[in-house]
């Protein structure tokens, strides 16, 4: 079986959403200088890569060991993503707790909310598991899929590094508007994940 590189690329591009990561990156790095922003971008990309590669390698085994069906993981991931989207829409551009966190550690900012759940989103984790199922794909095919996934992560990093130009172009108010619009889109994606998870669950476990 030969993997469809274009289909895999499009899938990971949709769930990782490098473009949608930009307003999140702008929001959580507003108080940092350019050098620190670059560090955050690189560190977030590396953390995301480790998280998603972890799910490629052992995600399916862990879910099976814990008797967790993939639809249940999809539903829970959708709920987490939805809550994060709600914060983007209704919350302040920078919640007070997050501001305190930013003052203490830029590495923590890179991990949350940037690496998880923005880049390595629940949808991306699920895609990493589904597109590398051991019963369907060979080891070499799984490696190819992982390489395509890493390519999308590199694109996400490039977009974050270009965010300074984008921020100057749209301004603070524009970034705030984009963040809320993306939050709305993200909430729609999260809802779709939840509904798809429920649908798949009842297909596998009919009443």
Protein backbone atom coordinates (compact mmCIF):
# COMPACT_ATOMS: atom_id res chain seq x y z
CA UNK A 1 0.00 0.00 0.00
CA UNK A 2 1.31 3.45 -1.00
CA UNK A 3 0.35 6.46 1.07
CA UNK A 4 -1.17 9.50 -0.60
CA UNK A 5 1.34 12.21 0.32
CA UNK A 6 -0.95 15.04 -0.79
CA UNK A 7 -3.89 13.74 1.24
CA UNK A 8 -1.69 13.21 4.30
CA UNK A 9 -0.17 16.68 3.93
CA UNK A 10 -3.59 18.32 3.61
CA UNK A 11 -4.89 16.41 6.63
CA UNK A 12 -2.01 17.45 8.86
CA UNK A 13 -2.07 21.01 7.51
CA UNK A 14 -5.76 21.23 8.46
CA UNK A 15 -5.42 19.80 11.97
CA UNK A 16 -2.12 21.51 12.87
CA UNK A 17 -3.25 24.72 11.13
CA UNK A 18 0.05 26.64 10.75
CA UNK A 19 -1.80 29.78 9.64
CA UNK A 20 -4.22 29.65 12.56
CA UNK A 21 -1.26 29.32 14.92
CA UNK A 22 -0.08 32.83 14.01
CA UNK A 23 -2.69 34.81 16.00
CA UNK A 24 -2.19 32.50 18.97
CA UNK A 25 1.58 33.04 18.77
CA UNK A 26 1.14 36.82 18.47
CA UNK A 27 -1.17 36.86 21.49
CA UNK A 28 1.03 34.79 23.82
CA UNK A 29 4.33 36.45 22.85
CA UNK A 30 3.21 40.07 22.83
CA UNK A 31 5.40 41.07 25.81
CA UNK A 32 8.58 39.37 24.62
CA UNK A 33 11.45 40.73 22.54
CA UNK A 34 12.24 39.39 19.06
CA UNK A 35 14.99 37.02 20.22
CA UNK A 36 12.77 35.43 22.87
CA UNK A 37 9.91 35.12 20.38
CA UNK A 38 12.19 33.12 18.08
CA UNK A 39 13.19 30.86 20.97
CA UNK A 40 9.54 30.30 21.82
CA UNK A 41 8.72 29.48 18.18
CA UNK A 42 11.54 26.93 17.91
CA UNK A 43 10.87 25.40 21.33
CA UNK A 44 7.13 25.12 20.67
CA UNK A 45 7.84 23.40 17.35
CA UNK A 46 10.23 20.92 18.97
CA UNK A 47 7.77 20.14 21.78
CA UNK A 48 4.95 19.68 19.26
CA UNK A 49 7.12 17.35 17.19
CA UNK A 50 7.93 15.20 20.23
CA UNK A 51 4.27 15.06 21.28
CA UNK A 52 3.00 14.07 17.84
CA UNK A 53 5.84 11.59 17.22
CA UNK A 54 4.99 10.05 20.59
CA UNK A 55 1.44 9.47 19.37
CA UNK A 56 2.75 8.08 16.07
CA UNK A 57 4.91 5.54 17.90
CA UNK A 58 2.89 4.50 20.94
CA UNK A 59 -0.40 6.43 20.85
CA UNK A 60 -2.41 3.53 19.46
CA UNK A 61 -0.82 1.06 21.88
CA UNK A 62 -1.59 3.26 24.90
CA UNK A 63 -5.20 3.78 23.88
CA UNK A 64 -5.66 0.04 23.34
CA UNK A 65 -3.91 -0.81 26.61
CA UNK A 66 -6.28 1.51 28.47
CA UNK A 67 -9.24 0.22 26.43
CA UNK A 68 -9.95 3.73 25.19
CA UNK A 69 -11.66 3.71 21.78
CA UNK A 70 -10.40 6.29 19.28
CA UNK A 71 -13.81 8.04 19.13
CA UNK A 72 -13.65 8.66 22.90
CA UNK A 73 -10.22 10.23 22.48
CA UNK A 74 -11.59 12.35 19.64
CA UNK A 75 -14.54 13.54 21.75
CA UNK A 76 -12.38 14.45 24.77
CA UNK A 77 -9.86 16.17 22.50
CA UNK A 78 -12.67 18.14 20.89
CA UNK A 79 -13.92 19.29 24.30
CA UNK A 80 -10.44 20.51 25.30
CA UNK A 81 -10.05 22.30 21.98
CA UNK A 82 -13.50 23.87 22.36
CA UNK A 83 -12.67 25.23 25.82
CA UNK A 84 -9.46 26.76 24.47
CA UNK A 85 -11.42 28.28 21.57
CA UNK A 86 -13.89 29.81 24.01
CA UNK A 87 -11.01 31.48 25.82
CA UNK A 88 -9.80 32.93 22.52
CA UNK A 89 -13.26 34.33 21.77
CA UNK A 90 -14.47 35.61 25.14
CA UNK A 91 -11.32 35.91 27.22
CA UNK A 92 -8.96 38.83 27.34
CA UNK A 93 -6.22 38.90 24.75
CA UNK A 94 -4.00 37.96 27.67
CA UNK A 95 -5.62 36.58 30.84
CA UNK A 96 -4.08 37.79 34.09
CA UNK A 97 -2.90 34.30 35.01
CA UNK A 98 -1.19 33.93 31.66
CA UNK A 99 0.51 37.30 32.03
CA UNK A 100 1.98 36.18 35.35
CA UNK A 101 3.14 32.96 33.72
CA UNK A 102 4.78 34.84 30.86
CA UNK A 103 6.83 36.90 33.31
CA UNK A 104 8.29 33.77 34.88
CA UNK A 105 8.99 31.37 32.02
CA UNK A 106 8.88 31.67 28.24
CA UNK A 107 9.38 27.90 28.01
CA UNK A 108 6.06 27.30 29.75
CA UNK A 109 4.44 29.70 27.30
CA UNK A 110 5.91 27.68 24.43
CA UNK A 111 4.45 24.48 25.87
CA UNK A 112 0.99 25.85 26.76
CA UNK A 113 -1.00 27.06 24.99
CA UNK A 114 1.29 27.22 21.96
CA UNK A 115 2.65 23.69 21.52
CA UNK A 116 -0.39 22.09 23.16
CA UNK A 117 -3.18 22.50 22.24
CA UNK A 118 -2.56 25.01 19.44
CA UNK A 119 0.02 23.22 17.27
CA UNK A 120 -0.13 19.66 18.58
CA UNK A 121 -3.90 19.87 18.83
CA UNK A 122 -6.13 16.96 19.83
CA UNK A 123 -7.09 16.67 16.17
CA UNK A 124 -3.40 16.44 15.20
CA UNK A 125 -2.80 13.77 17.85
CA UNK A 126 -5.77 11.79 16.57
CA UNK A 127 -4.60 12.16 12.96
CA UNK A 128 -1.14 10.95 13.99
CA UNK A 129 -2.72 7.80 15.42
CA UNK A 130 -5.18 7.15 12.60
CA UNK A 131 -2.72 7.73 9.76
CA UNK A 132 -0.18 5.34 11.27
CA UNK A 133 -2.40 2.47 12.38
CA UNK A 134 -0.22 -0.63 12.78
CA UNK A 135 -2.81 -2.93 11.24
CA UNK A 136 -3.05 -0.85 8.05
CA UNK A 137 0.32 0.79 7.41
CA UNK A 138 3.82 -0.70 7.28
CA UNK A 139 6.70 0.73 9.30
CA UNK A 140 8.10 2.49 6.21
CA UNK A 141 4.70 4.04 5.43
CA UNK A 142 4.43 5.23 9.01
CA UNK A 143 7.89 6.81 8.73
CA UNK A 144 6.83 8.59 5.52
CA UNK A 145 3.68 9.88 7.22
CA UNK A 146 5.76 11.12 10.17
CA UNK A 147 8.08 12.99 7.79
CA UNK A 148 5.12 14.71 6.13
CA UNK A 149 3.83 15.66 9.57
CA UNK A 150 7.24 17.14 10.47
CA UNK A 151 7.18 19.15 7.22
CA UNK A 152 3.90 20.76 8.30
CA UNK A 153 5.44 21.55 11.70
CA UNK A 154 8.34 23.27 9.94
CA UNK A 155 5.82 25.38 8.04
CA UNK A 156 4.13 26.25 11.34
CA UNK A 157 7.50 27.39 12.70
CA UNK A 158 8.12 29.53 9.61
CA UNK A 159 4.71 31.20 10.00
CA UNK A 160 5.46 31.94 13.65
CA UNK A 161 8.84 33.45 12.75
CA UNK A 162 7.06 35.67 10.22
CA UNK A 163 4.44 36.70 12.77
CA UNK A 164 6.33 39.93 13.58
CA UNK A 165 5.74 41.17 10.06
CA UNK A 166 2.12 40.03 10.22
CA UNK A 167 1.63 41.76 13.59
CA UNK A 168 2.98 45.04 12.21
CA UNK A 169 0.72 44.66 9.20
CA UNK A 170 -2.52 44.11 11.13
CA UNK A 171 -1.66 45.92 14.41
CA UNK A 172 -2.73 44.98 17.93
CA UNK A 173 -6.44 45.48 17.25
CA UNK A 174 -6.21 43.47 14.06
CA UNK A 175 -4.44 40.64 15.88
CA UNK A 176 -7.18 40.67 18.52
CA UNK A 177 -9.87 40.44 15.84
CA UNK A 178 -8.01 37.64 14.03
CA UNK A 179 -7.58 35.77 17.31
CA UNK A 180 -11.32 35.88 18.00
CA UNK A 181 -12.24 34.91 14.44
CA UNK A 182 -9.81 32.00 14.62
CA UNK A 183 -11.29 31.09 18.00
CA UNK A 184 -14.70 30.88 16.35
CA UNK A 185 -13.32 28.69 13.56
CA UNK A 186 -11.48 26.58 16.13
CA UNK A 187 -14.69 26.09 18.11
CA UNK A 188 -16.40 24.89 14.91
CA UNK A 189 -13.59 22.40 14.28
CA UNK A 190 -13.80 21.25 17.89
CA UNK A 191 -17.57 20.76 17.61
CA UNK A 192 -17.11 18.79 14.39
CA UNK A 193 -14.56 16.58 16.16
CA UNK A 194 -16.99 15.93 19.01
CA UNK A 195 -19.87 15.12 16.64
CA UNK A 196 -17.68 12.87 14.48
CA UNK A 197 -16.43 11.13 17.60
CA UNK A 198 -19.98 10.51 18.83
CA UNK A 199 -20.99 9.23 15.38
CA UNK A 200 -17.99 6.87 15.14
CA UNK A 201 -18.53 5.66 18.70
CA UNK A 202 -22.09 4.57 18.02
CA UNK A 203 -21.00 2.94 14.77
CA UNK A 204 -18.50 0.83 16.70
CA UNK A 205 -20.71 0.30 19.74
CA UNK A 206 -24.33 0.42 18.56
CA UNK A 207 -27.05 0.47 21.20
